[in-house]
Amino acid sequence: MGAKQVEVLLGEIERGKGALPHHHTGIEQVCYLLEGTAHAEVAGEKFEMAAGDACFFPAGKTHLFIVTSERARVLVIYAPPYLERPG
């Protein structure tokens, strides 16, 4: 797309998959759940998410994101770009 300050990814994740506790130095992240349910944690706070919910992970804060439904579709936004390459 040519954006230099933001990266947007669309992904489909199966139950029990997602991201174990980690952090991104200097990168903010937003996850917007399009379909399904998920569990998110950031800096010790826990959230149960449903379609239409979003969560924000501040730069440098440990977070996790795990799908709790059979599958989920999620929009992930990084600023600045993380340059993630889905497999």
PDB file of N, CA and C in Angstrom:
ATOM      1  N   MET A   1       0.805  -1.189   0.000  1.00  0.00           N
ATOM      2  CA  MET A   1       0.000   0.000   0.000  1.00  0.00           C
ATOM      3  C   MET A   1       0.852   1.257   0.000  1.00  0.00           C
ATOM      4  N   GLY A   2       2.098   1.157   0.458  1.00  0.00           N
ATOM      5  CA  GLY A   2       2.962   2.322   0.467  1.00  0.00           C
ATOM      6  C   GLY A   2       2.984   3.104   1.767  1.00  0.00           C
ATOM      7  N   ALA A   3       2.188   2.690   2.772  1.00  0.00           N
ATOM      8  CA  ALA A   3       2.179   3.397   4.054  1.00  0.00           C
ATOM      9  C   ALA A   3       3.526   3.226   4.749  1.00  0.00           C
ATOM     10  N   LYS A   4       4.042   4.283   5.338  1.00  0.00           N
ATOM     11  CA  LYS A   4       5.326   4.232   6.018  1.00  0.00           C
ATOM     12  C   LYS A   4       5.184   4.243   7.538  1.00  0.00           C
ATOM     13  N   GLN A   5       4.018   4.630   8.072  1.00  0.00           N
ATOM     14  CA  GLN A   5       3.848   4.762   9.519  1.00  0.00           C
ATOM     15  C   GLN A   5       2.866   3.772  10.137  1.00  0.00           C
ATOM     16  N   VAL A   6       2.216   2.951   9.301  1.00  0.00           N
ATOM     17  CA  VAL A   6       1.240   2.000   9.819  1.00  0.00           C
ATOM     18  C   VAL A   6       1.237   0.734   8.961  1.00  0.00           C
ATOM     19  N   GLU A   7       0.965  -0.403   9.609  1.00  0.00           N
ATOM     20  CA  GLU A   7       0.856  -1.688   8.912  1.00  0.00           C
ATOM     21  C   GLU A   7      -0.455  -2.329   9.340  1.00  0.00           C
ATOM     22  N   VAL A   8      -1.242  -2.833   8.384  1.00  0.00           N
ATOM     23  CA  VAL A   8      -2.524  -3.460   8.669  1.00  0.00           C
ATOM     24  C   VAL A   8      -2.511  -4.867   8.082  1.00  0.00           C
ATOM     25  N   LEU A   9      -2.847  -5.855   8.928  1.00  0.00           N
ATOM     26  CA  LEU A   9      -2.883  -7.256   8.507  1.00  0.00           C
ATOM     27  C   LEU A   9      -4.248  -7.848   8.805  1.00  0.00           C
ATOM     28  N   LEU A  10      -4.731  -8.728   7.943  1.00  0.00           N
ATOM     29  CA  LEU A  10      -5.960  -9.469   8.163  1.00  0.00           C
ATOM     30  C   LEU A  10      -5.567 -10.923   8.334  1.00  0.00           C
ATOM     31  N   GLY A  11      -5.980 -11.538   9.441  1.00  0.00           N
ATOM     32  CA  GLY A  11      -5.600 -12.924   9.679  1.00  0.00           C
ATOM     33  C   GLY A  11      -6.753 -13.775  10.154  1.00  0.00           C
ATOM     34  N   GLU A  12      -6.604 -15.072   9.969  1.00  0.00           N
ATOM     35  CA  GLU A  12      -7.547 -16.058  10.480  1.00  0.00           C
ATOM     36  C   GLU A  12      -6.757 -16.968  11.407  1.00  0.00           C
ATOM     37  N   ILE A  13      -7.252 -17.148  12.631  1.00  0.00           N
ATOM     38  CA  ILE A  13      -6.520 -17.888  13.651  1.00  0.00           C
ATOM     39  C   ILE A  13      -7.432 -18.962  14.230  1.00  0.00           C
ATOM     40  N   GLU A  14      -6.893 -20.158  14.480  1.00  0.00           N
ATOM     41  CA  GLU A  14      -7.653 -21.279  15.032  1.00  0.00           C
ATOM     42  C   GLU A  14      -7.661 -21.235  16.559  1.00  0.00           C
ATOM     43  N   ARG A  15      -8.616 -21.959  17.151  1.00  0.00           N
ATOM     44  CA  ARG A  15      -8.750 -22.043  18.613  1.00  0.00           C
ATOM     45  C   ARG A  15      -7.404 -22.389  19.265  1.00  0.00           C
ATOM     46  N   GLY A  16      -7.092 -21.673  20.333  1.00  0.00           N
ATOM     47  CA  GLY A  16      -5.876 -21.943  21.098  1.00  0.00           C
ATOM     48  C   GLY A  16      -4.619 -21.332  20.518  1.00  0.00           C
ATOM     49  N   LYS A  17      -4.726 -20.752  19.328  1.00  0.00           N
ATOM     50  CA  LYS A  17      -3.565 -20.130  18.684  1.00  0.00           C
ATOM     51  C   LYS A  17      -3.642 -18.619  18.856  1.00  0.00           C
ATOM     52  N   GLY A  18      -2.557 -17.961  18.555  1.00  0.00           N
ATOM     53  CA  GLY A  18      -2.499 -16.508  18.659  1.00  0.00           C
ATOM     54  C   GLY A  18      -1.079 -16.084  18.964  1.00  0.00           C
ATOM     55  N   ALA A  19      -0.901 -15.365  20.062  1.00  0.00           N
ATOM     56  CA  ALA A  19       0.428 -14.889  20.439  1.00  0.00           C
ATOM     57  C   ALA A  19       0.608 -15.035  21.944  1.00  0.00           C
ATOM     58  N   LEU A  20       1.645 -15.772  22.334  1.00  0.00           N
ATOM     59  CA  LEU A  20       1.987 -15.923  23.740  1.00  0.00           C
ATOM     60  C   LEU A  20       2.543 -14.607  24.265  1.00  0.00           C
ATOM     61  N   PRO A  21       2.741 -14.463  25.579  1.00  0.00           N
ATOM     62  CA  PRO A  21       3.226 -13.196  26.126  1.00  0.00           C
ATOM     63  C   PRO A  21       4.506 -12.701  25.441  1.00  0.00           C
ATOM     64  N   HIS A  22       4.463 -11.448  25.005  1.00  0.00           N
ATOM     65  CA  HIS A  22       5.608 -10.820  24.334  1.00  0.00           C
ATOM     66  C   HIS A  22       5.369  -9.313  24.334  1.00  0.00           C
ATOM     67  N   HIS A  23       6.315  -8.547  23.836  1.00  0.00           N
ATOM     68  CA  HIS A  23       6.129  -7.102  23.683  1.00  0.00           C
ATOM     69  C   HIS A  23       6.867  -6.637  22.435  1.00  0.00           C
ATOM     70  N   HIS A  24       6.530  -5.439  21.978  1.00  0.00           N
ATOM     71  CA  HIS A  24       7.166  -4.829  20.816  1.00  0.00           C
ATOM     72  C   HIS A  24       7.769  -3.502  21.261  1.00  0.00           C
ATOM     73  N   THR A  25       9.063  -3.410  21.250  1.00  0.00           N
ATOM     74  CA  THR A  25       9.732  -2.169  21.630  1.00  0.00           C
ATOM     75  C   THR A  25       9.462  -1.105  20.575  1.00  0.00           C
ATOM     76  N   GLY A  26       8.863   0.007  20.976  1.00  0.00           N
ATOM     77  CA  GLY A  26       8.631   1.122  20.058  1.00  0.00           C
ATOM     78  C   GLY A  26       7.513   0.939  19.070  1.00  0.00           C
ATOM     79  N   ILE A  27       6.694  -0.117  19.218  1.00  0.00           N
ATOM     80  CA  ILE A  27       5.597  -0.371  18.274  1.00  0.00           C
ATOM     81  C   ILE A  27       4.291  -0.533  19.040  1.00  0.00           C
ATOM     82  N   GLU A  28       3.276   0.263  18.686  1.00  0.00           N
ATOM     83  CA  GLU A  28       1.940   0.101  19.234  1.00  0.00           C
ATOM     84  C   GLU A  28       1.164  -0.885  18.364  1.00  0.00           C
ATOM     85  N   GLN A  29       0.208  -1.604  18.986  1.00  0.00           N
ATOM     86  CA  GLN A  29      -0.565  -2.604  18.257  1.00  0.00           C
ATOM     87  C   GLN A  29      -2.031  -2.524  18.660  1.00  0.00           C
ATOM     88  N   VAL A  30      -2.901  -2.665  17.668  1.00  0.00           N
ATOM     89  CA  VAL A  30      -4.342  -2.755  17.893  1.00  0.00           C
ATOM     90  C   VAL A  30      -4.825  -4.035  17.234  1.00  0.00           C
ATOM     91  N   CYS A  31      -5.679  -4.788  17.931  1.00  0.00           N
ATOM     92  CA  CYS A  31      -6.324  -5.963  17.346  1.00  0.00           C
ATOM     93  C   CYS A  31      -7.822  -5.705  17.332  1.00  0.00           C
ATOM     94  N   TYR A  32      -8.438  -5.805  16.164  1.00  0.00           N
ATOM     95  CA  TYR A  32      -9.881  -5.636  16.014  1.00  0.00           C
ATOM     96  C   TYR A  32     -10.452  -6.985  15.595  1.00  0.00           C
ATOM     97  N   LEU A  33     -11.302  -7.555  16.442  1.00  0.00           N
ATOM     98  CA  LEU A  33     -11.843  -8.883  16.199  1.00  0.00           C
ATOM     99  C   LEU A  33     -13.056  -8.791  15.279  1.00  0.00           C
ATOM    100  N   LEU A  34     -12.940  -9.364  14.096  1.00  0.00           N
ATOM    101  CA  LEU A  34     -14.017  -9.337  13.097  1.00  0.00           C
ATOM    102  C   LEU A  34     -15.012 -10.476  13.291  1.00  0.00           C
ATOM    103  N   GLU A  35     -14.496 -11.666  13.648  1.00  0.00           N
ATOM    104  CA  GLU A  35     -15.329 -12.856  13.873  1.00  0.00           C
ATOM    105  C   GLU A  35     -14.710 -13.666  14.989  1.00  0.00           C
ATOM    106  N   GLY A  36     -15.554 -14.324  15.785  1.00  0.00           N
ATOM    107  CA  GLY A  36     -15.065 -15.221  16.823  1.00  0.00           C
ATOM    108  C   GLY A  36     -14.896 -14.548  18.174  1.00  0.00           C
ATOM    109  N   THR A  37     -14.193 -15.263  19.069  1.00  0.00           N
ATOM    110  CA  THR A  37     -13.911 -14.754  20.411  1.00  0.00           C
ATOM    111  C   THR A  37     -12.437 -14.969  20.720  1.00  0.00           C
ATOM    112  N   ALA A  38     -11.941 -14.179  21.660  1.00  0.00           N
ATOM    113  CA  ALA A  38     -10.522 -14.280  22.021  1.00  0.00           C
ATOM    114  C   ALA A  38     -10.310 -13.785  23.444  1.00  0.00           C
ATOM    115  N   HIS A  39      -9.176 -14.175  23.998  1.00  0.00           N
ATOM    116  CA  HIS A  39      -8.736 -13.708  25.311  1.00  0.00           C
ATOM    117  C   HIS A  39      -7.493 -12.855  25.083  1.00  0.00           C
ATOM    118  N   ALA A  40      -7.488 -11.669  25.669  1.00  0.00           N
ATOM    119  CA  ALA A  40      -6.333 -10.774  25.539  1.00  0.00           C
ATOM    120  C   ALA A  40      -5.891 -10.334  26.934  1.00  0.00           C
ATOM    121  N   GLU A  41      -4.589 -10.124  27.083  1.00  0.00           N
ATOM    122  CA  GLU A  41      -4.037  -9.584  28.316  1.00  0.00           C
ATOM    123  C   GLU A  41      -2.996  -8.538  27.955  1.00  0.00           C
ATOM    124  N   VAL A  42      -2.966  -7.466  28.746  1.00  0.00           N
ATOM    125  CA  VAL A  42      -1.947  -6.428  28.560  1.00  0.00           C
ATOM    126  C   VAL A  42      -1.613  -5.857  29.929  1.00  0.00           C
ATOM    127  N   ALA A  43      -0.339  -5.858  30.242  1.00  0.00           N
ATOM    128  CA  ALA A  43       0.164  -5.284  31.496  1.00  0.00           C
ATOM    129  C   ALA A  43      -0.629  -5.783  32.706  1.00  0.00           C
ATOM    130  N   GLY A  44      -0.968  -7.083  32.718  1.00  0.00           N
ATOM    131  CA  GLY A  44      -1.665  -7.674  33.845  1.00  0.00           C
ATOM    132  C   GLY A  44      -3.179  -7.589  33.811  1.00  0.00           C
ATOM    133  N   GLU A  45      -3.764  -6.826  32.874  1.00  0.00           N
ATOM    134  CA  GLU A  45      -5.221  -6.742  32.742  1.00  0.00           C
ATOM    135  C   GLU A  45      -5.696  -7.792  31.742  1.00  0.00           C
ATOM    136  N   LYS A  46      -6.838  -8.443  32.054  1.00  0.00           N
ATOM    137  CA  LYS A  46      -7.380  -9.510  31.217  1.00  0.00           C
ATOM    138  C   LYS A  46      -8.704  -9.076  30.602  1.00  0.00           C
ATOM    139  N   PHE A  47      -8.927  -9.468  29.340  1.00  0.00           N
ATOM    140  CA  PHE A  47     -10.130  -9.091  28.607  1.00  0.00           C
ATOM    141  C   PHE A  47     -10.642 -10.280  27.804  1.00  0.00           C
ATOM    142  N   GLU A  48     -11.958 -10.471  27.804  1.00  0.00           N
ATOM    143  CA  GLU A  48     -12.597 -11.441  26.923  1.00  0.00           C
ATOM    144  C   GLU A  48     -13.193 -10.638  25.775  1.00  0.00           C
ATOM    145  N   MET A  49     -12.865 -11.024  24.567  1.00  0.00           N
ATOM    146  CA  MET A  49     -13.278 -10.261  23.389  1.00  0.00           C
ATOM    147  C   MET A  49     -14.284 -11.036  22.545  1.00  0.00           C
ATOM    148  N   ALA A  50     -15.204 -10.302  21.926  1.00  0.00           N
ATOM    149  CA  ALA A  50     -16.161 -10.845  20.967  1.00  0.00           C
ATOM    150  C   ALA A  50     -16.055 -10.023  19.692  1.00  0.00           C
ATOM    151  N   ALA A  51     -16.659 -10.533  18.619  1.00  0.00           N
ATOM    152  CA  ALA A  51     -16.619  -9.811  17.343  1.00  0.00           C
ATOM    153  C   ALA A  51     -17.073  -8.372  17.544  1.00  0.00           C
ATOM    154  N   GLY A  52     -16.294  -7.435  16.991  1.00  0.00           N
ATOM    155  CA  GLY A  52     -16.584  -6.014  17.126  1.00  0.00           C
ATOM    156  C   GLY A  52     -15.766  -5.336  18.217  1.00  0.00           C
ATOM    157  N   ASP A  53     -15.086  -6.136  19.050  1.00  0.00           N
ATOM    158  CA  ASP A  53     -14.232  -5.578  20.105  1.00  0.00           C
ATOM    159  C   ASP A  53     -12.824  -5.326  19.568  1.00  0.00           C
ATOM    160  N   ALA A  54     -12.154  -4.365  20.187  1.00  0.00           N
ATOM    161  CA  ALA A  54     -10.761  -4.052  19.849  1.00  0.00           C
ATOM    162  C   ALA A  54      -9.961  -3.963  21.136  1.00  0.00           C
ATOM    163  N   CYS A  55      -8.666  -4.250  21.037  1.00  0.00           N
ATOM    164  CA  CYS A  55      -7.770  -4.072  22.172  1.00  0.00           C
ATOM    165  C   CYS A  55      -6.524  -3.322  21.686  1.00  0.00           C
ATOM    166  N   PHE A  56      -5.931  -2.580  22.609  1.00  0.00           N
ATOM    167  CA  PHE A  56      -4.749  -1.779  22.311  1.00  0.00           C
ATOM    168  C   PHE A  56      -3.594  -2.261  23.176  1.00  0.00           C
ATOM    169  N   PHE A  57      -2.456  -2.522  22.535  1.00  0.00           N
ATOM    170  CA  PHE A  57      -1.246  -2.931  23.231  1.00  0.00           C
ATOM    171  C   PHE A  57      -0.214  -1.815  23.089  1.00  0.00           C
ATOM    172  N   PRO A  58       0.042  -1.059  24.168  1.00  0.00           N
ATOM    173  CA  PRO A  58       1.032   0.024  24.092  1.00  0.00           C
ATOM    174  C   PRO A  58       2.438  -0.516  23.812  1.00  0.00           C
ATOM    175  N   ALA A  59       3.245   0.281  23.208  1.00  0.00           N
ATOM    176  CA  ALA A  59       4.640  -0.089  22.929  1.00  0.00           C
ATOM    177  C   ALA A  59       5.333  -0.480  24.233  1.00  0.00           C
ATOM    178  N   GLY A  60       6.063  -1.597  24.184  1.00  0.00           N
ATOM    179  CA  GLY A  60       6.861  -2.024  25.318  1.00  0.00           C
ATOM    180  C   GLY A  60       6.110  -2.754  26.411  1.00  0.00           C
ATOM    181  N   LYS A  61       4.772  -2.872  26.332  1.00  0.00           N
ATOM    182  CA  LYS A  61       3.983  -3.558  27.355  1.00  0.00           C
ATOM    183  C   LYS A  61       3.763  -5.020  26.968  1.00  0.00           C
ATOM    184  N   THR A  62       4.015  -5.919  27.887  1.00  0.00           N
ATOM    185  CA  THR A  62       3.802  -7.340  27.630  1.00  0.00           C
ATOM    186  C   THR A  62       2.318  -7.599  27.413  1.00  0.00           C
ATOM    187  N   HIS A  63       2.019  -8.389  26.377  1.00  0.00           N
ATOM    188  CA  HIS A  63       0.635  -8.706  26.037  1.00  0.00           C
ATOM    189  C   HIS A  63       0.533 -10.101  25.441  1.00  0.00           C
ATOM    190  N   LEU A  64      -0.695 -10.624  25.390  1.00  0.00           N
ATOM    191  CA  LEU A  64      -0.964 -11.890  24.709  1.00  0.00           C
ATOM    192  C   LEU A  64      -2.338 -11.823  24.087  1.00  0.00           C
ATOM    193  N   PHE A  65      -2.576 -12.700  23.111  1.00  0.00           N
ATOM    194  CA  PHE A  65      -3.842 -12.749  22.383  1.00  0.00           C
ATOM    195  C   PHE A  65      -4.066 -14.197  21.976  1.00  0.00           C
ATOM    196  N   ILE A  66      -5.127 -14.841  22.509  1.00  0.00           N
ATOM    197  CA  ILE A  66      -5.408 -16.250  22.227  1.00  0.00           C
ATOM    198  C   ILE A  66      -6.863 -16.392  21.792  1.00  0.00           C
ATOM    199  N   VAL A  67      -7.096 -17.096  20.696  1.00  0.00           N
ATOM    200  CA  VAL A  67      -8.440 -17.335  20.179  1.00  0.00           C
ATOM    201  C   VAL A  67      -9.139 -18.389  21.039  1.00  0.00           C
ATOM    202  N   THR A  68     -10.393 -18.123  21.431  1.00  0.00           N
ATOM    203  CA  THR A  68     -11.157 -19.046  22.267  1.00  0.00           C
ATOM    204  C   THR A  68     -12.321 -19.698  21.520  1.00  0.00           C
ATOM    205  N   SER A  69     -12.649 -19.239  20.327  1.00  0.00           N
ATOM    206  CA  SER A  69     -13.685 -19.867  19.494  1.00  0.00           C
ATOM    207  C   SER A  69     -12.998 -20.839  18.528  1.00  0.00           C
ATOM    208  N   GLU A  70     -13.781 -21.553  17.730  1.00  0.00           N
ATOM    209  CA  GLU A  70     -13.184 -22.493  16.770  1.00  0.00           C
ATOM    210  C   GLU A  70     -12.169 -21.806  15.852  1.00  0.00           C
ATOM    211  N   ARG A  71     -12.509 -20.605  15.416  1.00  0.00           N
ATOM    212  CA  ARG A  71     -11.599 -19.786  14.619  1.00  0.00           C
ATOM    213  C   ARG A  71     -12.008 -18.330  14.796  1.00  0.00           C
ATOM    214  N   ALA A  72     -11.106 -17.451  14.444  1.00  0.00           N
ATOM    215  CA  ALA A  72     -11.400 -16.024  14.529  1.00  0.00           C
ATOM    216  C   ALA A  72     -10.739 -15.314  13.363  1.00  0.00           C
ATOM    217  N   ARG A  73     -11.363 -14.224  12.941  1.00  0.00           N
ATOM    218  CA  ARG A  73     -10.750 -13.342  11.952  1.00  0.00           C
ATOM    219  C   ARG A  73     -10.424 -12.047  12.676  1.00  0.00           C
ATOM    220  N   VAL A  74      -9.198 -11.578  12.496  1.00  0.00           N
ATOM    221  CA  VAL A  74      -8.741 -10.409  13.240  1.00  0.00           C
ATOM    222  C   VAL A  74      -7.972  -9.463  12.331  1.00  0.00           C
ATOM    223  N   LEU A  75      -8.212  -8.192  12.525  1.00  0.00           N
ATOM    224  CA  LEU A  75      -7.468  -7.140  11.851  1.00  0.00           C
ATOM    225  C   LEU A  75      -6.422  -6.660  12.851  1.00  0.00           C
ATOM    226  N   VAL A  76      -5.157  -6.711  12.471  1.00  0.00           N
ATOM    227  CA  VAL A  76      -4.056  -6.301  13.354  1.00  0.00           C
ATOM    228  C   VAL A  76      -3.390  -5.073  12.746  1.00  0.00           C
ATOM    229  N   ILE A  77      -3.220  -4.052  13.572  1.00  0.00           N
ATOM    230  CA  ILE A  77      -2.648  -2.784  13.116  1.00  0.00           C
ATOM    231  C   ILE A  77      -1.424  -2.463  13.956  1.00  0.00           C
ATOM    232  N   TYR A  78      -0.302  -2.201  13.295  1.00  0.00           N
ATOM    233  CA  TYR A  78       0.945  -1.829  13.965  1.00  0.00           C
ATOM    234  C   TYR A  78       1.345  -0.414  13.552  1.00  0.00           C
ATOM    235  N   ALA A  79       1.860   0.345  14.510  1.00  0.00           N
ATOM    236  CA  ALA A  79       2.388   1.674  14.192  1.00  0.00           C
ATOM    237  C   ALA A  79       3.597   1.949  15.086  1.00  0.00           C
ATOM    238  N   PRO A  80       4.761   2.179  14.518  1.00  0.00           N
ATOM    239  CA  PRO A  80       5.076   2.053  13.101  1.00  0.00           C
ATOM    240  C   PRO A  80       5.044   0.587  12.666  1.00  0.00           C
ATOM    241  N   PRO A  81       5.192   0.314  11.383  1.00  0.00           N
ATOM    242  CA  PRO A  81       5.097  -1.057  10.881  1.00  0.00           C
ATOM    243  C   PRO A  81       6.034  -2.023  11.593  1.00  0.00           C
ATOM    244  N   TYR A  82       5.496  -3.199  11.894  1.00  0.00           N
ATOM    245  CA  TYR A  82       6.251  -4.308  12.499  1.00  0.00           C
ATOM    246  C   TYR A  82       6.899  -5.142  11.403  1.00  0.00           C
ATOM    247  N   LEU A  83       6.347  -5.055  10.215  1.00  0.00           N
ATOM    248  CA  LEU A  83       6.797  -5.812   9.047  1.00  0.00           C
ATOM    249  C   LEU A  83       6.653  -7.318   9.270  1.00  0.00           C
ATOM    250  N   GLU A  84       5.524  -7.683   9.898  1.00  0.00           N
ATOM    251  CA  GLU A  84       5.203  -9.090  10.111  1.00  0.00           C
ATOM    252  C   GLU A  84       4.929  -9.735   8.777  1.00  0.00           C
ATOM    253  N   ARG A  85       5.372 -10.946   8.616  1.00  0.00           N
ATOM    254  CA  ARG A  85       5.144 -11.699   7.367  1.00  0.00           C
ATOM    255  C   ARG A  85       4.389 -12.969   7.687  1.00  0.00           C
ATOM    256  N   PRO A  86       3.061 -12.978   7.504  1.00  0.00           N
ATOM    257  CA  PRO A  86       2.280 -14.186   7.783  1.00  0.00           C
ATOM    258  C   PRO A  86       2.770 -15.366   6.964  1.00  0.00           C
ATOM    259  N   GLY A  87       2.719 -16.558   7.559  1.00  0.00           N
ATOM    260  CA  GLY A  87       3.202 -17.760   6.896  1.00  0.00           C
ATOM    261  C   GLY A  87       2.212 -18.402   6.009  1.00  0.00           C
TER     262      GLY A  87
END
